[in-house]
Amino acid sequence: MERIATHPATVTQVEPGRVTALMRVASACATCEAHARCGFSESKDKSVQVETSRWQQYKVGDSVTIIIQSGNGMKAVFIAYVMPGLLLLGSFVGFYLLGLGDGLTALLSLLVVALYGLFLYLIRHKLQRKFTFQIK
């Protein structure tokens, strides 16, 4: 069975078929007793949209729990961070071995990563169906 991650959130918008909620995502040091004094802790607000057929039971201001399967989180990290890094490194080495100049090699490597970003943008709807949140 796949593990799940949960985050408390507050409903900010309710639309037919969709609930938008605001999660406060804190860094690991936010749980430290000294985090308020050290100044290194950080937390950010993240807005997530949850597709649900039970949208009518939620109201703006309700406290809810957002659920995501941890396996999806690892896939998202791979798609967003690991893959672009591998593409950048691999294309840089490949272009360098082809004997292109340093500047052209760097420029083409960045172009490869930009094309990957464009590809992700073009398939964003497919990715949105794969990486879904649930509300409880």
N, C-alpha and C. Protein backbone atom coordinates (compact mmCIF):
# COMPACT_ATOMS: atom_id res chain seq x y z
N MET A 1 0.84 -1.20 0.00
CA MET A 1 0.00 0.00 0.00
C MET A 1 0.88 1.24 0.00
N GLU A 2 0.52 2.21 -0.79
CA GLU A 2 1.29 3.42 -0.93
C GLU A 2 0.99 4.36 0.23
N ARG A 3 2.05 4.99 0.75
CA ARG A 3 1.88 5.94 1.84
C ARG A 3 1.26 7.23 1.32
N ILE A 4 0.66 7.96 2.24
CA ILE A 4 0.07 9.25 1.86
C ILE A 4 0.67 10.35 2.72
N ALA A 5 0.67 11.54 2.18
CA ALA A 5 1.08 12.73 2.92
C ALA A 5 -0.16 13.59 3.10
N THR A 6 -0.30 14.17 4.28
CA THR A 6 -1.46 15.02 4.55
C THR A 6 -0.98 16.40 4.98
N HIS A 7 -1.76 17.40 4.63
CA HIS A 7 -1.47 18.78 5.02
C HIS A 7 -2.77 19.45 5.43
N PRO A 8 -2.78 20.12 6.58
CA PRO A 8 -3.97 20.92 6.92
C PRO A 8 -4.07 22.11 5.99
N ALA A 9 -5.29 22.51 5.67
CA ALA A 9 -5.50 23.61 4.73
C ALA A 9 -6.80 24.32 5.07
N THR A 10 -6.97 25.48 4.46
CA THR A 10 -8.18 26.27 4.62
C THR A 10 -8.78 26.52 3.24
N VAL A 11 -10.07 26.27 3.13
CA VAL A 11 -10.77 26.47 1.85
C VAL A 11 -10.81 27.96 1.54
N THR A 12 -10.38 28.31 0.31
CA THR A 12 -10.39 29.72 -0.10
C THR A 12 -11.39 30.00 -1.22
N GLN A 13 -11.80 28.95 -1.94
CA GLN A 13 -12.75 29.15 -3.03
C GLN A 13 -13.47 27.84 -3.30
N VAL A 14 -14.77 27.94 -3.60
CA VAL A 14 -15.57 26.77 -3.95
C VAL A 14 -16.26 27.04 -5.28
N GLU A 15 -16.03 26.16 -6.24
CA GLU A 15 -16.65 26.25 -7.56
C GLU A 15 -17.28 24.90 -7.86
N PRO A 16 -18.21 24.85 -8.78
CA PRO A 16 -18.78 23.54 -9.15
C PRO A 16 -17.69 22.56 -9.60
N GLY A 17 -17.57 21.47 -8.85
CA GLY A 17 -16.60 20.43 -9.19
C GLY A 17 -15.19 20.67 -8.69
N ARG A 18 -14.95 21.80 -8.03
CA ARG A 18 -13.59 22.13 -7.62
C ARG A 18 -13.57 22.93 -6.32
N VAL A 19 -12.62 22.59 -5.46
CA VAL A 19 -12.40 23.33 -4.22
C VAL A 19 -10.94 23.79 -4.22
N THR A 20 -10.71 25.06 -3.94
CA THR A 20 -9.36 25.58 -3.82
C THR A 20 -9.06 25.79 -2.35
N ALA A 21 -7.90 25.30 -1.92
CA ALA A 21 -7.52 25.40 -0.52
C ALA A 21 -6.09 25.93 -0.40
N LEU A 22 -5.81 26.60 0.71
CA LEU A 22 -4.49 27.18 0.97
C LEU A 22 -3.82 26.35 2.06
N MET A 23 -2.65 25.78 1.71
CA MET A 23 -1.88 24.98 2.67
C MET A 23 -0.68 25.80 3.13
N ARG A 24 -0.35 25.68 4.39
CA ARG A 24 0.90 26.25 4.90
C ARG A 24 1.90 25.12 4.95
N VAL A 25 2.91 25.20 4.08
CA VAL A 25 3.94 24.17 4.01
C VAL A 25 5.17 24.70 4.72
N ALA A 26 5.58 24.00 5.76
CA ALA A 26 6.71 24.46 6.58
C ALA A 26 7.94 23.61 6.33
N SER A 27 9.10 24.23 6.47
CA SER A 27 10.34 23.48 6.33
C SER A 27 10.53 22.60 7.56
N ALA A 28 11.48 21.70 7.50
CA ALA A 28 11.70 20.75 8.60
C ALA A 28 12.06 21.46 9.89
N CYS A 29 12.76 22.58 9.81
CA CYS A 29 13.18 23.24 11.04
C CYS A 29 12.03 24.00 11.70
N ALA A 30 10.88 24.08 11.06
CA ALA A 30 9.75 24.78 11.66
C ALA A 30 9.26 24.06 12.92
N THR A 31 9.57 22.77 13.04
CA THR A 31 9.16 22.02 14.23
C THR A 31 10.17 22.14 15.36
N CYS A 32 11.31 22.76 15.09
CA CYS A 32 12.34 22.94 16.11
C CYS A 32 11.87 23.96 17.14
N GLU A 33 12.24 23.74 18.41
CA GLU A 33 11.81 24.65 19.47
C GLU A 33 12.39 26.05 19.30
N ALA A 34 13.55 26.17 18.66
CA ALA A 34 14.21 27.47 18.54
C ALA A 34 13.96 28.15 17.21
N HIS A 35 13.03 27.62 16.41
CA HIS A 35 12.87 28.17 15.05
C HIS A 35 12.46 29.63 15.03
N ALA A 36 11.72 30.08 16.02
CA ALA A 36 11.27 31.47 16.03
C ALA A 36 12.42 32.44 16.30
N ARG A 37 13.45 31.96 17.00
CA ARG A 37 14.57 32.84 17.34
C ARG A 37 15.71 32.78 16.34
N CYS A 38 15.85 31.67 15.62
CA CYS A 38 17.03 31.54 14.77
C CYS A 38 16.87 32.24 13.43
N GLY A 39 15.67 32.36 12.92
CA GLY A 39 15.44 33.10 11.69
C GLY A 39 15.66 32.29 10.42
N PHE A 40 16.04 31.03 10.53
CA PHE A 40 16.28 30.23 9.33
C PHE A 40 15.07 29.43 8.89
N SER A 41 14.07 29.31 9.76
CA SER A 41 12.92 28.51 9.37
C SER A 41 12.12 29.26 8.32
N GLU A 42 11.48 28.50 7.44
CA GLU A 42 10.67 29.13 6.41
C GLU A 42 9.39 28.34 6.24
N SER A 43 8.36 29.04 5.91
CA SER A 43 7.11 28.38 5.57
C SER A 43 6.46 29.20 4.46
N LYS A 44 5.74 28.49 3.61
CA LYS A 44 5.13 29.14 2.46
C LYS A 44 3.68 28.69 2.35
N ASP A 45 2.87 29.55 1.78
CA ASP A 45 1.48 29.19 1.51
C ASP A 45 1.40 28.65 0.10
N LYS A 46 0.75 27.51 -0.05
CA LYS A 46 0.57 26.88 -1.36
C LYS A 46 -0.93 26.73 -1.60
N SER A 47 -1.36 27.17 -2.76
CA SER A 47 -2.76 27.03 -3.13
C SER A 47 -2.90 25.81 -4.03
N VAL A 48 -3.83 24.93 -3.68
CA VAL A 48 -4.07 23.73 -4.49
C VAL A 48 -5.53 23.66 -4.88
N GLN A 49 -5.77 23.15 -6.08
CA GLN A 49 -7.13 22.95 -6.55
C GLN A 49 -7.42 21.46 -6.51
N VAL A 50 -8.54 21.11 -5.88
CA VAL A 50 -8.92 19.72 -5.73
C VAL A 50 -10.23 19.49 -6.47
N GLU A 51 -10.19 18.59 -7.44
CA GLU A 51 -11.41 18.22 -8.16
C GLU A 51 -12.21 17.27 -7.26
N THR A 52 -13.48 17.61 -7.01
CA THR A 52 -14.31 16.76 -6.15
C THR A 52 -15.77 16.88 -6.55
N SER A 53 -16.47 15.78 -6.45
CA SER A 53 -17.90 15.80 -6.73
C SER A 53 -18.69 16.27 -5.50
N ARG A 54 -18.01 16.34 -4.34
CA ARG A 54 -18.68 16.77 -3.10
C ARG A 54 -18.38 18.24 -2.78
N TRP A 55 -18.18 19.03 -3.81
CA TRP A 55 -17.80 20.43 -3.62
C TRP A 55 -18.83 21.23 -2.85
N GLN A 56 -20.10 20.80 -2.89
CA GLN A 56 -21.18 21.57 -2.24
C GLN A 56 -21.10 21.53 -0.72
N GLN A 57 -20.40 20.55 -0.16
CA GLN A 57 -20.34 20.45 1.30
C GLN A 57 -19.26 21.34 1.92
N TYR A 58 -18.49 22.03 1.09
CA TYR A 58 -17.41 22.89 1.60
C TYR A 58 -17.79 24.35 1.47
N LYS A 59 -17.31 25.15 2.42
CA LYS A 59 -17.53 26.59 2.41
C LYS A 59 -16.19 27.29 2.61
N VAL A 60 -16.07 28.50 2.10
CA VAL A 60 -14.85 29.29 2.28
C VAL A 60 -14.58 29.45 3.77
N GLY A 61 -13.35 29.17 4.17
CA GLY A 61 -12.95 29.26 5.58
C GLY A 61 -12.94 27.93 6.30
N ASP A 62 -13.51 26.89 5.70
CA ASP A 62 -13.51 25.57 6.33
C ASP A 62 -12.08 25.04 6.45
N SER A 63 -11.79 24.36 7.56
CA SER A 63 -10.52 23.67 7.72
C SER A 63 -10.66 22.26 7.15
N VAL A 64 -9.73 21.89 6.29
CA VAL A 64 -9.77 20.59 5.63
C VAL A 64 -8.36 19.98 5.68
N THR A 65 -8.27 18.73 5.25
CA THR A 65 -6.98 18.06 5.12
C THR A 65 -6.79 17.69 3.65
N ILE A 66 -5.66 18.08 3.10
CA ILE A 66 -5.31 17.76 1.71
C ILE A 66 -4.44 16.51 1.74
N ILE A 67 -4.75 15.56 0.87
CA ILE A 67 -4.06 14.28 0.82
C ILE A 67 -3.42 14.09 -0.55
N ILE A 68 -2.17 13.64 -0.55
CA ILE A 68 -1.50 13.25 -1.79
C ILE A 68 -0.71 11.99 -1.49
N GLN A 69 -0.71 11.08 -2.45
CA GLN A 69 0.06 9.85 -2.28
C GLN A 69 1.53 10.18 -2.43
N SER A 70 2.37 9.66 -1.53
CA SER A 70 3.78 10.01 -1.53
C SER A 70 4.48 9.57 -2.80
N GLY A 71 4.04 8.50 -3.44
CA GLY A 71 4.63 8.07 -4.71
C GLY A 71 4.49 9.13 -5.77
N ASN A 72 3.38 9.83 -5.77
CA ASN A 72 3.18 10.92 -6.72
C ASN A 72 4.15 12.06 -6.46
N GLY A 73 4.45 12.30 -5.21
CA GLY A 73 5.40 13.35 -4.86
C GLY A 73 6.78 13.04 -5.41
N MET A 74 7.20 11.80 -5.30
CA MET A 74 8.51 11.41 -5.82
C MET A 74 8.55 11.51 -7.35
N LYS A 75 7.46 11.15 -8.00
CA LYS A 75 7.39 11.29 -9.47
C LYS A 75 7.49 12.76 -9.85
N ALA A 76 6.81 13.62 -9.11
CA ALA A 76 6.84 15.05 -9.40
C ALA A 76 8.25 15.61 -9.22
N VAL A 77 8.95 15.19 -8.18
CA VAL A 77 10.33 15.63 -7.96
C VAL A 77 11.21 15.18 -9.12
N PHE A 78 11.02 13.96 -9.58
CA PHE A 78 11.81 13.47 -10.71
C PHE A 78 11.56 14.29 -11.96
N ILE A 79 10.28 14.54 -12.25
CA ILE A 79 9.93 15.30 -13.46
C ILE A 79 10.41 16.75 -13.37
N ALA A 80 10.30 17.35 -12.20
CA ALA A 80 10.59 18.79 -12.08
C ALA A 80 12.06 19.11 -11.82
N TYR A 81 12.80 18.20 -11.18
CA TYR A 81 14.17 18.53 -10.79
C TYR A 81 15.21 17.58 -11.36
N VAL A 82 14.99 16.29 -11.23
CA VAL A 82 16.01 15.31 -11.64
C VAL A 82 16.14 15.29 -13.16
N MET A 83 15.04 15.17 -13.86
CA MET A 83 15.09 15.07 -15.32
C MET A 83 15.72 16.31 -15.98
N PRO A 84 15.35 17.54 -15.60
CA PRO A 84 16.03 18.69 -16.21
C PRO A 84 17.53 18.71 -15.91
N GLY A 85 17.89 18.30 -14.71
CA GLY A 85 19.32 18.25 -14.37
C GLY A 85 20.07 17.25 -15.23
N LEU A 86 19.48 16.07 -15.41
CA LEU A 86 20.10 15.06 -16.26
C LEU A 86 20.18 15.52 -17.70
N LEU A 87 19.13 16.15 -18.18
CA LEU A 87 19.14 16.67 -19.55
C LEU A 87 20.21 17.74 -19.73
N LEU A 88 20.34 18.63 -18.76
CA LEU A 88 21.34 19.69 -18.84
C LEU A 88 22.74 19.10 -18.87
N LEU A 89 23.01 18.21 -17.93
CA LEU A 89 24.34 17.60 -17.86
C LEU A 89 24.64 16.74 -19.09
N GLY A 90 23.69 15.90 -19.47
CA GLY A 90 23.90 15.02 -20.62
C GLY A 90 24.09 15.78 -21.92
N SER A 91 23.26 16.80 -22.13
CA SER A 91 23.39 17.57 -23.38
C SER A 91 24.68 18.38 -23.37
N PHE A 92 25.08 18.88 -22.21
CA PHE A 92 26.34 19.64 -22.14
C PHE A 92 27.52 18.75 -22.51
N VAL A 93 27.58 17.55 -21.93
CA VAL A 93 28.67 16.61 -22.24
C VAL A 93 28.61 16.21 -23.71
N GLY A 94 27.42 15.92 -24.21
CA GLY A 94 27.27 15.52 -25.61
C GLY A 94 27.72 16.60 -26.58
N PHE A 95 27.27 17.83 -26.36
CA PHE A 95 27.66 18.93 -27.24
C PHE A 95 29.15 19.23 -27.12
N TYR A 96 29.68 19.10 -25.91
CA TYR A 96 31.11 19.34 -25.71
C TYR A 96 31.95 18.30 -26.46
N LEU A 97 31.51 17.03 -26.39
CA LEU A 97 32.22 15.97 -27.09
C LEU A 97 32.13 16.12 -28.61
N LEU A 98 31.10 16.79 -29.09
CA LEU A 98 30.99 17.07 -30.53
C LEU A 98 31.97 18.14 -30.99
N GLY A 99 32.63 18.79 -30.04
CA GLY A 99 33.64 19.78 -30.38
C GLY A 99 33.09 21.18 -30.57
N LEU A 100 31.88 21.42 -30.13
CA LEU A 100 31.32 22.77 -30.22
C LEU A 100 32.02 23.66 -29.20
N GLY A 101 32.04 24.93 -29.44
CA GLY A 101 32.67 25.86 -28.50
C GLY A 101 31.93 25.87 -27.17
N ASP A 102 32.62 26.38 -26.15
CA ASP A 102 32.04 26.40 -24.80
C ASP A 102 30.73 27.20 -24.75
N GLY A 103 30.72 28.36 -25.36
CA GLY A 103 29.52 29.20 -25.34
C GLY A 103 28.35 28.55 -26.05
N LEU A 104 28.61 27.98 -27.22
CA LEU A 104 27.55 27.32 -27.98
C LEU A 104 27.06 26.07 -27.25
N THR A 105 27.99 25.34 -26.62
CA THR A 105 27.62 24.16 -25.85
C THR A 105 26.67 24.54 -24.71
N ALA A 106 27.02 25.59 -23.98
CA ALA A 106 26.18 26.04 -22.87
C ALA A 106 24.82 26.50 -23.38
N LEU A 107 24.82 27.27 -24.45
CA LEU A 107 23.57 27.78 -25.00
C LEU A 107 22.66 26.66 -25.48
N LEU A 108 23.21 25.70 -26.20
CA LEU A 108 22.41 24.58 -26.69
C LEU A 108 21.89 23.71 -25.54
N SER A 109 22.69 23.55 -24.50
CA SER A 109 22.25 22.77 -23.34
C SER A 109 21.07 23.43 -22.65
N LEU A 110 21.14 24.75 -22.52
CA LEU A 110 20.01 25.48 -21.94
C LEU A 110 18.78 25.39 -22.84
N LEU A 111 19.00 25.38 -24.14
CA LEU A 111 17.90 25.24 -25.09
C LEU A 111 17.22 23.88 -24.93
N VAL A 112 18.00 22.84 -24.69
CA VAL A 112 17.43 21.50 -24.47
C VAL A 112 16.53 21.51 -23.24
N VAL A 113 16.98 22.14 -22.17
CA VAL A 113 16.16 22.21 -20.95
C VAL A 113 14.92 23.07 -21.19
N ALA A 114 15.05 24.14 -21.95
CA ALA A 114 13.89 24.97 -22.27
C ALA A 114 12.87 24.19 -23.10
N LEU A 115 13.35 23.38 -24.03
CA LEU A 115 12.43 22.54 -24.82
C LEU A 115 11.73 21.51 -23.93
N TYR A 116 12.43 20.99 -22.94
CA TYR A 116 11.81 20.08 -21.98
C TYR A 116 10.70 20.81 -21.21
N GLY A 117 10.97 22.03 -20.80
CA GLY A 117 9.95 22.83 -20.13
C GLY A 117 8.74 23.07 -21.01
N LEU A 118 8.97 23.35 -22.28
CA LEU A 118 7.88 23.52 -23.24
C LEU A 118 7.08 22.23 -23.39
N PHE A 119 7.78 21.10 -23.45
CA PHE A 119 7.11 19.80 -23.53
C PHE A 119 6.21 19.57 -22.31
N LEU A 120 6.73 19.88 -21.12
CA LEU A 120 5.91 19.73 -19.91
C LEU A 120 4.69 20.65 -19.96
N TYR A 121 4.87 21.85 -20.48
CA TYR A 121 3.75 22.77 -20.60
C TYR A 121 2.69 22.22 -21.54
N LEU A 122 3.13 21.61 -22.63
CA LEU A 122 2.18 21.08 -23.60
C LEU A 122 1.40 19.87 -23.06
N ILE A 123 2.00 19.10 -22.16
CA ILE A 123 1.30 17.94 -21.60
C ILE A 123 0.79 18.20 -20.19
N ARG A 124 0.68 19.47 -19.81
CA ARG A 124 0.28 19.82 -18.44
C ARG A 124 -1.08 19.24 -18.04
N HIS A 125 -2.01 19.15 -18.97
CA HIS A 125 -3.34 18.62 -18.64
C HIS A 125 -3.26 17.13 -18.32
N LYS A 126 -2.43 16.42 -19.04
CA LYS A 126 -2.23 15.00 -18.74
C LYS A 126 -1.56 14.83 -17.38
N LEU A 127 -0.59 15.69 -17.07
CA LEU A 127 0.07 15.62 -15.78
C LEU A 127 -0.88 15.98 -14.64
N GLN A 128 -1.77 16.94 -14.87
CA GLN A 128 -2.73 17.33 -13.84
C GLN A 128 -3.66 16.18 -13.48
N ARG A 129 -4.00 15.36 -14.47
CA ARG A 129 -4.85 14.20 -14.18
C ARG A 129 -4.09 13.13 -13.40
N LYS A 130 -2.78 13.07 -13.59
CA LYS A 130 -1.97 12.06 -12.93
C LYS A 130 -1.64 12.45 -11.49
N PHE A 131 -1.37 13.72 -11.28
CA PHE A 131 -1.00 14.20 -9.95
C PHE A 131 -2.18 14.93 -9.33
N THR A 132 -3.02 14.18 -8.68
CA THR A 132 -4.23 14.76 -8.10
C THR A 132 -4.15 14.80 -6.59
N PHE A 133 -4.82 15.79 -6.03
CA PHE A 133 -4.97 15.91 -4.59
C PHE A 133 -6.36 15.43 -4.22
N GLN A 134 -6.50 15.01 -2.97
CA GLN A 134 -7.81 14.66 -2.45
C GLN A 134 -8.06 15.53 -1.23
N ILE A 135 -9.33 15.69 -0.90
CA ILE A 135 -9.70 16.54 0.23
C ILE A 135 -10.49 15.70 1.22
N LYS A 136 -10.21 15.93 2.49
CA LYS A 136 -10.91 15.20 3.54
C LYS A 136 -11.42 16.16 4.59
